[in-house]
Amino acid sequence: MWDRVLTPNDEIILRRAARELETGMLVNLGIGLPTFIPRFLSPEVDVAFHSENGFVGMGRPLLDLTPDHEIIDSGGQACTVVSGAAFFDSLLSFAIVRGGNLDLAILGAFEVSLEGDLANWKIPGKLTPGMGGGMELAQKANRVLVVSHHLDKRGRGKLVRECSLPLTAKGCVDALITDRAVFRRRQGRLRLTSVHPEHTVEGACQGCPGEIEVDDELEAWES
């Protein structure tokens, strides 16, 4: 992960997702793509990033360093800390999560269902180190934002009618941001609310369930 090179589509997702953050928030970044959010955050937005391996005040990832660096995020990637960062043990770190103190958790996904169910920890038949803190983050954060490519490597949509993979949590996803669109959960179901300028509504619905609903007035895409 620490040697990842961001693609143009990665950057589209991250720039749009960074606009969901507001000054004063306490935000957890899941492993993978979400850890790059600090690189795209406006200097005018002052938030605190929580890393469940034991600190608040996570800064930008350090792509040129390996996990033997003294400070790493929850995914093992070398990272920086900001002035005023605080370090603590796992007990306190998860007390922050379980106590409902996170304003926002930004997570990756294999699948997200129309009803907001999340599957992001296991693909049967493939080796996985375990769920980690994903289940608690998905259940306990005040708001859950998923960032993901619109289609998987086989060209299948990440937004599905029902998740076929083992669930992380049910009905937890408040918003999904892809390289083509933004989907928000309203009245218990995700609907299309914004489309990237390089795509049409039809392109944003590619790979989505046929019954996906679209807002009459779409949000402007700002990145």
C-alpha atoms as a PDB file:
ATOM      1  CA  MET A   1       0.000   0.000   0.000  1.00  0.00           C
ATOM      2  CA  TRP A   2       2.826   2.399   0.870  1.00  0.00           C
ATOM      3  CA  ASP A   3       4.108   2.376  -2.724  1.00  0.00           C
ATOM      4  CA  ARG A   4       0.727   3.054  -4.321  1.00  0.00           C
ATOM      5  CA  VAL A   5       0.640   5.517  -7.197  1.00  0.00           C
ATOM      6  CA  LEU A   6      -2.680   7.318  -7.451  1.00  0.00           C
ATOM      7  CA  THR A   7      -4.491   7.107 -10.783  1.00  0.00           C
ATOM      8  CA  PRO A   8      -6.521   9.984 -12.276  1.00  0.00           C
ATOM      9  CA  ASN A   9      -9.716   8.226 -11.173  1.00  0.00           C
ATOM     10  CA  ASP A  10      -8.332   7.833  -7.645  1.00  0.00           C
ATOM     11  CA  GLU A  11      -7.775  11.571  -7.538  1.00  0.00           C
ATOM     12  CA  ILE A  12     -11.291  12.329  -8.802  1.00  0.00           C
ATOM     13  CA  ILE A  13     -12.724  10.273  -5.939  1.00  0.00           C
ATOM     14  CA  LEU A  14     -10.432  11.728  -3.294  1.00  0.00           C
ATOM     15  CA  ARG A  15     -10.901  15.356  -4.319  1.00  0.00           C
ATOM     16  CA  ARG A  16     -14.687  14.987  -4.247  1.00  0.00           C
ATOM     17  CA  ALA A  17     -14.653  13.076  -0.961  1.00  0.00           C
ATOM     18  CA  ALA A  18     -12.456  15.704   0.709  1.00  0.00           C
ATOM     19  CA  ARG A  19     -15.236  18.236   0.145  1.00  0.00           C
ATOM     20  CA  GLU A  20     -17.485  16.252   2.499  1.00  0.00           C
ATOM     21  CA  LEU A  21     -15.258  17.188   5.460  1.00  0.00           C
ATOM     22  CA  GLU A  22     -16.047  20.210   7.606  1.00  0.00           C
ATOM     23  CA  THR A  23     -14.013  22.113  10.175  1.00  0.00           C
ATOM     24  CA  GLY A  24     -14.247  20.619  13.649  1.00  0.00           C
ATOM     25  CA  MET A  25     -14.897  17.030  12.546  1.00  0.00           C
ATOM     26  CA  LEU A  26     -13.198  13.979  14.049  1.00  0.00           C
ATOM     27  CA  VAL A  27     -12.703  11.636  11.098  1.00  0.00           C
ATOM     28  CA  ASN A  28     -11.479   8.058  10.793  1.00  0.00           C
ATOM     29  CA  LEU A  29      -9.821   6.996   7.554  1.00  0.00           C
ATOM     30  CA  GLY A  30     -10.075   3.337   6.606  1.00  0.00           C
ATOM     31  CA  ILE A  31      -7.149   1.512   5.039  1.00  0.00           C
ATOM     32  CA  GLY A  32      -6.448   1.879   1.328  1.00  0.00           C
ATOM     33  CA  LEU A  33      -7.745   4.803  -0.698  1.00  0.00           C
ATOM     34  CA  PRO A  34      -9.215   6.756   2.260  1.00  0.00           C
ATOM     35  CA  THR A  35      -5.754   7.271   3.809  1.00  0.00           C
ATOM     36  CA  PHE A  36      -4.915   9.680   0.976  1.00  0.00           C
ATOM     37  CA  ILE A  37      -7.743  12.090   1.850  1.00  0.00           C
ATOM     38  CA  PRO A  38      -5.411  14.479   3.781  1.00  0.00           C
ATOM     39  CA  ARG A  39      -3.539  15.218   0.539  1.00  0.00           C
ATOM     40  CA  PHE A  40      -6.689  16.709  -0.981  1.00  0.00           C
ATOM     41  CA  LEU A  41      -8.133  18.577   1.994  1.00  0.00           C
ATOM     42  CA  SER A  42      -8.473  22.333   1.650  1.00  0.00           C
ATOM     43  CA  PRO A  43      -6.122  24.271   3.984  1.00  0.00           C
ATOM     44  CA  GLU A  44      -9.195  26.161   5.162  1.00  0.00           C
ATOM     45  CA  VAL A  45     -10.763  22.980   6.587  1.00  0.00           C
ATOM     46  CA  ASP A  46      -9.446  22.041  10.034  1.00  0.00           C
ATOM     47  CA  VAL A  47     -10.300  18.448  10.977  1.00  0.00           C
ATOM     48  CA  ALA A  48      -8.693  15.819  13.226  1.00  0.00           C
ATOM     49  CA  PHE A  49      -7.966  12.405  11.714  1.00  0.00           C
ATOM     50  CA  HIS A  50      -8.241   9.350  13.962  1.00  0.00           C
ATOM     51  CA  SER A  51      -6.243   6.185  13.292  1.00  0.00           C
ATOM     52  CA  GLU A  52      -7.571   3.221  15.239  1.00  0.00           C
ATOM     53  CA  ASN A  53      -4.097   1.812  15.886  1.00  0.00           C
ATOM     54  CA  GLY A  54      -3.718   4.539  18.483  1.00  0.00           C
ATOM     55  CA  PHE A  55      -3.622   8.250  17.682  1.00  0.00           C
ATOM     56  CA  VAL A  56      -5.536  11.363  16.694  1.00  0.00           C
ATOM     57  CA  GLY A  57      -3.783  13.899  14.501  1.00  0.00           C
ATOM     58  CA  MET A  58      -2.807  11.824  11.469  1.00  0.00           C
ATOM     59  CA  GLY A  59      -1.293  13.807   8.634  1.00  0.00           C
ATOM     60  CA  ARG A  60      -0.338  12.981   5.065  1.00  0.00           C
ATOM     61  CA  PRO A  61       0.929   9.538   4.041  1.00  0.00           C
ATOM     62  CA  LEU A  62       4.636   9.181   3.279  1.00  0.00           C
ATOM     63  CA  LEU A  63       4.834   7.226   0.044  1.00  0.00           C
ATOM     64  CA  ASP A  64       8.635   6.974  -0.018  1.00  0.00           C
ATOM     65  CA  LEU A  65       8.921   5.214   3.355  1.00  0.00           C
ATOM     66  CA  THR A  66       8.264   1.607   4.347  1.00  0.00           C
ATOM     67  CA  PRO A  67       6.316   0.304   7.394  1.00  0.00           C
ATOM     68  CA  ASP A  68       9.481   0.262   9.533  1.00  0.00           C
ATOM     69  CA  HIS A  69       8.979   4.031   9.867  1.00  0.00           C
ATOM     70  CA  GLU A  70       8.176   4.975  13.475  1.00  0.00           C
ATOM     71  CA  ILE A  71       4.653   6.245  12.719  1.00  0.00           C
ATOM     72  CA  ILE A  72       2.228   4.201  10.631  1.00  0.00           C
ATOM     73  CA  ASP A  73      -1.506   4.266  10.034  1.00  0.00           C
ATOM     74  CA  SER A  74      -3.877   1.372  10.675  1.00  0.00           C
ATOM     75  CA  GLY A  75      -2.994  -0.165   7.308  1.00  0.00           C
ATOM     76  CA  GLY A  76       0.749  -0.165   7.976  1.00  0.00           C
ATOM     77  CA  GLN A  77       1.516   2.819   5.740  1.00  0.00           C
ATOM     78  CA  ALA A  78       4.073   5.365   6.915  1.00  0.00           C
ATOM     79  CA  CYS A  79       2.430   8.676   7.711  1.00  0.00           C
ATOM     80  CA  THR A  80       2.953  12.042   9.358  1.00  0.00           C
ATOM     81  CA  VAL A  81       1.303  13.588  12.391  1.00  0.00           C
ATOM     82  CA  VAL A  82       0.239  17.195  12.868  1.00  0.00           C
ATOM     83  CA  SER A  83       1.104  19.517  15.720  1.00  0.00           C
ATOM     84  CA  GLY A  84      -0.883  18.597  18.828  1.00  0.00           C
ATOM     85  CA  ALA A  85      -1.359  14.926  17.875  1.00  0.00           C
ATOM     86  CA  ALA A  86      -2.156  12.537  20.728  1.00  0.00           C
ATOM     87  CA  PHE A  87      -1.097   8.885  21.051  1.00  0.00           C
ATOM     88  CA  PHE A  88      -2.840   6.230  23.152  1.00  0.00           C
ATOM     89  CA  ASP A  89      -3.422   2.494  23.468  1.00  0.00           C
ATOM     90  CA  SER A  90      -5.954   0.394  21.560  1.00  0.00           C
ATOM     91  CA  LEU A  91      -8.372   0.382  24.489  1.00  0.00           C
ATOM     92  CA  LEU A  92      -8.799   4.149  24.378  1.00  0.00           C
ATOM     93  CA  SER A  93      -8.732   4.210  20.580  1.00  0.00           C
ATOM     94  CA  PHE A  94     -11.688   1.860  20.332  1.00  0.00           C
ATOM     95  CA  ALA A  95     -13.463   3.593  23.183  1.00  0.00           C
ATOM     96  CA  ILE A  96     -13.442   6.659  20.924  1.00  0.00           C
ATOM     97  CA  VAL A  97     -15.056   4.574  18.174  1.00  0.00           C
ATOM     98  CA  ARG A  98     -17.551   2.702  20.348  1.00  0.00           C
ATOM     99  CA  GLY A  99     -18.536   5.830  22.214  1.00  0.00           C
ATOM    100  CA  GLY A 100     -19.958   7.386  19.062  1.00  0.00           C
ATOM    101  CA  ASN A 101     -17.331  10.144  19.014  1.00  0.00           C
ATOM    102  CA  LEU A 102     -16.450   9.901  15.314  1.00  0.00           C
ATOM    103  CA  ASP A 103     -18.260  12.442  13.179  1.00  0.00           C
ATOM    104  CA  LEU A 104     -17.332  10.569  10.019  1.00  0.00           C
ATOM    105  CA  ALA A 105     -15.715   7.306   8.939  1.00  0.00           C
ATOM    106  CA  ILE A 106     -14.426   7.098   5.366  1.00  0.00           C
ATOM    107  CA  LEU A 107     -14.159   3.491   4.196  1.00  0.00           C
ATOM    108  CA  GLY A 108     -13.483   1.512   1.046  1.00  0.00           C
ATOM    109  CA  ALA A 109     -15.816  -1.192  -0.266  1.00  0.00           C
ATOM    110  CA  PHE A 110     -16.136  -4.316  -2.367  1.00  0.00           C
ATOM    111  CA  GLU A 111     -19.919  -3.889  -2.507  1.00  0.00           C
ATOM    112  CA  VAL A 112     -22.543  -1.446  -1.259  1.00  0.00           C
ATOM    113  CA  SER A 113     -26.224  -2.355  -1.453  1.00  0.00           C
ATOM    114  CA  LEU A 114     -29.087  -0.006  -2.320  1.00  0.00           C
ATOM    115  CA  GLU A 115     -30.160  -0.141   1.325  1.00  0.00           C
ATOM    116  CA  GLY A 116     -26.711   0.933   2.517  1.00  0.00           C
ATOM    117  CA  ASP A 117     -25.302  -2.455   3.533  1.00  0.00           C
ATOM    118  CA  LEU A 118     -21.501  -2.591   3.368  1.00  0.00           C
ATOM    119  CA  ALA A 119     -19.203  -5.470   2.377  1.00  0.00           C
ATOM    120  CA  ASN A 120     -15.567  -4.438   2.565  1.00  0.00           C
ATOM    121  CA  TRP A 121     -13.554  -6.989   4.499  1.00  0.00           C
ATOM    122  CA  LYS A 122     -13.571 -10.404   2.825  1.00  0.00           C
ATOM    123  CA  ILE A 123     -13.743 -12.063  -0.579  1.00  0.00           C
ATOM    124  CA  PRO A 124     -14.316 -15.802  -0.058  1.00  0.00           C
ATOM    125  CA  GLY A 125     -11.336 -17.855  -1.190  1.00  0.00           C
ATOM    126  CA  LYS A 126      -8.873 -14.998  -0.808  1.00  0.00           C
ATOM    127  CA  LEU A 127      -6.566 -14.552   2.159  1.00  0.00           C
ATOM    128  CA  THR A 128      -7.612 -11.761   4.504  1.00  0.00           C
ATOM    129  CA  PRO A 129      -6.026 -10.679   7.800  1.00  0.00           C
ATOM    130  CA  GLY A 130      -9.466 -10.222   9.352  1.00  0.00           C
ATOM    131  CA  MET A 131     -12.096  -7.543   9.732  1.00  0.00           C
ATOM    132  CA  GLY A 132     -10.018  -5.361  12.032  1.00  0.00           C
ATOM    133  CA  GLY A 133     -11.983  -2.346  13.238  1.00  0.00           C
ATOM    134  CA  GLY A 134     -14.143  -2.120  10.133  1.00  0.00           C
ATOM    135  CA  MET A 135     -17.315  -3.494  11.720  1.00  0.00           C
ATOM    136  CA  GLU A 136     -17.229  -1.111  14.654  1.00  0.00           C
ATOM    137  CA  LEU A 137     -16.375   1.882  12.496  1.00  0.00           C
ATOM    138  CA  ALA A 138     -19.273   1.119  10.167  1.00  0.00           C
ATOM    139  CA  GLN A 139     -21.700   0.691  13.060  1.00  0.00           C
ATOM    140  CA  LYS A 140     -20.593   3.405  15.465  1.00  0.00           C
ATOM    141  CA  ALA A 141     -19.490   6.400  13.395  1.00  0.00           C
ATOM    142  CA  ASN A 142     -22.134   9.107  13.235  1.00  0.00           C
ATOM    143  CA  ARG A 143     -21.823   9.087   9.458  1.00  0.00           C
ATOM    144  CA  VAL A 144     -20.227   6.613   7.028  1.00  0.00           C
ATOM    145  CA  LEU A 145     -18.864   7.689   3.660  1.00  0.00           C
ATOM    146  CA  VAL A 146     -17.652   5.034   1.220  1.00  0.00           C
ATOM    147  CA  VAL A 147     -15.119   5.870  -1.504  1.00  0.00           C
ATOM    148  CA  SER A 148     -14.705   3.397  -4.332  1.00  0.00           C
ATOM    149  CA  HIS A 149     -14.185   3.025  -8.050  1.00  0.00           C
ATOM    150  CA  HIS A 150     -17.481   2.903  -9.898  1.00  0.00           C
ATOM    151  CA  LEU A 151     -16.733  -0.488 -11.473  1.00  0.00           C
ATOM    152  CA  ASP A 152     -14.578  -3.359 -10.231  1.00  0.00           C
ATOM    153  CA  LYS A 153     -11.789  -4.963 -12.252  1.00  0.00           C
ATOM    154  CA  ARG A 154     -14.344  -7.126 -14.075  1.00  0.00           C
ATOM    155  CA  GLY A 155     -16.498  -4.171 -15.040  1.00  0.00           C
ATOM    156  CA  ARG A 156     -19.179  -4.850 -12.434  1.00  0.00           C
ATOM    157  CA  GLY A 157     -20.739  -2.010 -10.464  1.00  0.00           C
ATOM    158  CA  LYS A 158     -19.856  -1.591  -6.798  1.00  0.00           C
ATOM    159  CA  LEU A 159     -23.423  -0.477  -6.040  1.00  0.00           C
ATOM    160  CA  VAL A 160     -25.598  -3.608  -6.056  1.00  0.00           C
ATOM    161  CA  ARG A 161     -29.156  -4.623  -5.273  1.00  0.00           C
ATOM    162  CA  GLU A 162     -27.984  -6.911  -2.456  1.00  0.00           C
ATOM    163  CA  CYS A 163     -24.451  -7.668  -1.274  1.00  0.00           C
ATOM    164  CA  SER A 164     -23.244 -11.164  -2.167  1.00  0.00           C
ATOM    165  CA  LEU A 165     -20.067 -10.900  -0.072  1.00  0.00           C
ATOM    166  CA  PRO A 166     -19.845 -11.214   3.737  1.00  0.00           C
ATOM    167  CA  LEU A 167     -21.267  -8.076   5.317  1.00  0.00           C
ATOM    168  CA  THR A 168     -19.331  -5.637   7.439  1.00  0.00           C
ATOM    169  CA  ALA A 169     -22.530  -3.941   8.651  1.00  0.00           C
ATOM    170  CA  LYS A 170     -26.116  -3.459   7.521  1.00  0.00           C
ATOM    171  CA  GLY A 171     -27.676  -0.127   6.606  1.00  0.00           C
ATOM    172  CA  CYS A 172     -24.608   1.868   7.605  1.00  0.00           C
ATOM    173  CA  VAL A 173     -23.589   3.688   4.402  1.00  0.00           C
ATOM    174  CA  ASP A 174     -24.791   7.281   4.284  1.00  0.00           C
ATOM    175  CA  ALA A 175     -23.033   8.207   1.040  1.00  0.00           C
ATOM    176  CA  LEU A 176     -21.000   6.552  -1.716  1.00  0.00           C
ATOM    177  CA  ILE A 177     -18.580   8.529  -3.881  1.00  0.00           C
ATOM    178  CA  THR A 178     -17.148   6.993  -7.038  1.00  0.00           C
ATOM    179  CA  ASP A 179     -15.183   8.380  -9.969  1.00  0.00           C
ATOM    180  CA  ARG A 180     -18.502   8.969 -11.760  1.00  0.00           C
ATOM    181  CA  ALA A 181     -21.104   9.916  -9.192  1.00  0.00           C
ATOM    182  CA  VAL A 182     -22.270  10.619  -5.669  1.00  0.00           C
ATOM    183  CA  PHE A 183     -25.016   8.494  -4.121  1.00  0.00           C
ATOM    184  CA  ARG A 184     -26.726   9.459  -0.852  1.00  0.00           C
ATOM    185  CA  ARG A 185     -29.026   7.372   1.328  1.00  0.00           C
ATOM    186  CA  ARG A 186     -32.431   8.926   1.764  1.00  0.00           C
ATOM    187  CA  GLN A 187     -35.436   7.197   3.278  1.00  0.00           C
ATOM    188  CA  GLY A 188     -33.424   4.019   3.610  1.00  0.00           C
ATOM    189  CA  ARG A 189     -32.112   3.731   0.041  1.00  0.00           C
ATOM    190  CA  LEU A 190     -29.174   5.102  -1.916  1.00  0.00           C
ATOM    191  CA  ARG A 191     -30.019   7.374  -4.834  1.00  0.00           C
ATOM    192  CA  LEU A 192     -27.980   9.236  -7.435  1.00  0.00           C
ATOM    193  CA  THR A 193     -27.473  12.845  -6.361  1.00  0.00           C
ATOM    194  CA  SER A 194     -24.495  14.144  -8.363  1.00  0.00           C
ATOM    195  CA  VAL A 195     -22.643  13.250 -11.567  1.00  0.00           C
ATOM    196  CA  HIS A 196     -19.040  13.978 -12.534  1.00  0.00           C
ATOM    197  CA  PRO A 197     -18.905  16.528 -15.414  1.00  0.00           C
ATOM    198  CA  GLU A 198     -17.230  14.004 -17.735  1.00  0.00           C
ATOM    199  CA  HIS A 199     -20.134  11.573 -17.378  1.00  0.00           C
ATOM    200  CA  THR A 200     -23.846  11.517 -18.094  1.00  0.00           C
ATOM    201  CA  VAL A 201     -26.592  10.238 -15.821  1.00  0.00           C
ATOM    202  CA  GLU A 202     -26.672   7.109 -17.988  1.00  0.00           C
ATOM    203  CA  GLY A 203     -22.940   6.597 -17.480  1.00  0.00           C
ATOM    204  CA  ALA A 204     -23.301   7.157 -13.754  1.00  0.00           C
ATOM    205  CA  CYS A 205     -26.011   4.480 -13.653  1.00  0.00           C
ATOM    206  CA  GLN A 206     -23.852   1.936 -15.510  1.00  0.00           C
ATOM    207  CA  GLY A 207     -23.463  -1.170 -13.401  1.00  0.00           C
ATOM    208  CA  CYS A 208     -26.102   0.028 -10.908  1.00  0.00           C
ATOM    209  CA  PRO A 209     -29.320  -1.828 -10.122  1.00  0.00           C
ATOM    210  CA  GLY A 210     -32.111  -0.973 -12.555  1.00  0.00           C
ATOM    211  CA  GLU A 211     -34.274   0.554  -9.844  1.00  0.00           C
ATOM    212  CA  ILE A 212     -31.720   3.192  -8.807  1.00  0.00           C
ATOM    213  CA  GLU A 213     -33.496   6.501  -8.262  1.00  0.00           C
ATOM    214  CA  VAL A 214     -32.112   9.807  -9.520  1.00  0.00           C
ATOM    215  CA  ASP A 215     -32.673  13.239  -7.942  1.00  0.00           C
ATOM    216  CA  ASP A 216     -34.674  15.633 -10.107  1.00  0.00           C
ATOM    217  CA  GLU A 217     -32.130  18.371  -9.344  1.00  0.00           C
ATOM    218  CA  LEU A 218     -28.603  17.015  -9.138  1.00  0.00           C
ATOM    219  CA  GLU A 219     -25.994  18.549  -6.844  1.00  0.00           C
ATOM    220  CA  ALA A 220     -23.211  20.422  -8.623  1.00  0.00           C
ATOM    221  CA  TRP A 221     -20.026  18.344  -8.722  1.00  0.00           C
ATOM    222  CA  GLU A 222     -17.378  20.367  -6.914  1.00  0.00           C
ATOM    223  CA  SER A 223     -13.804  19.146  -6.516  1.00  0.00           C
END
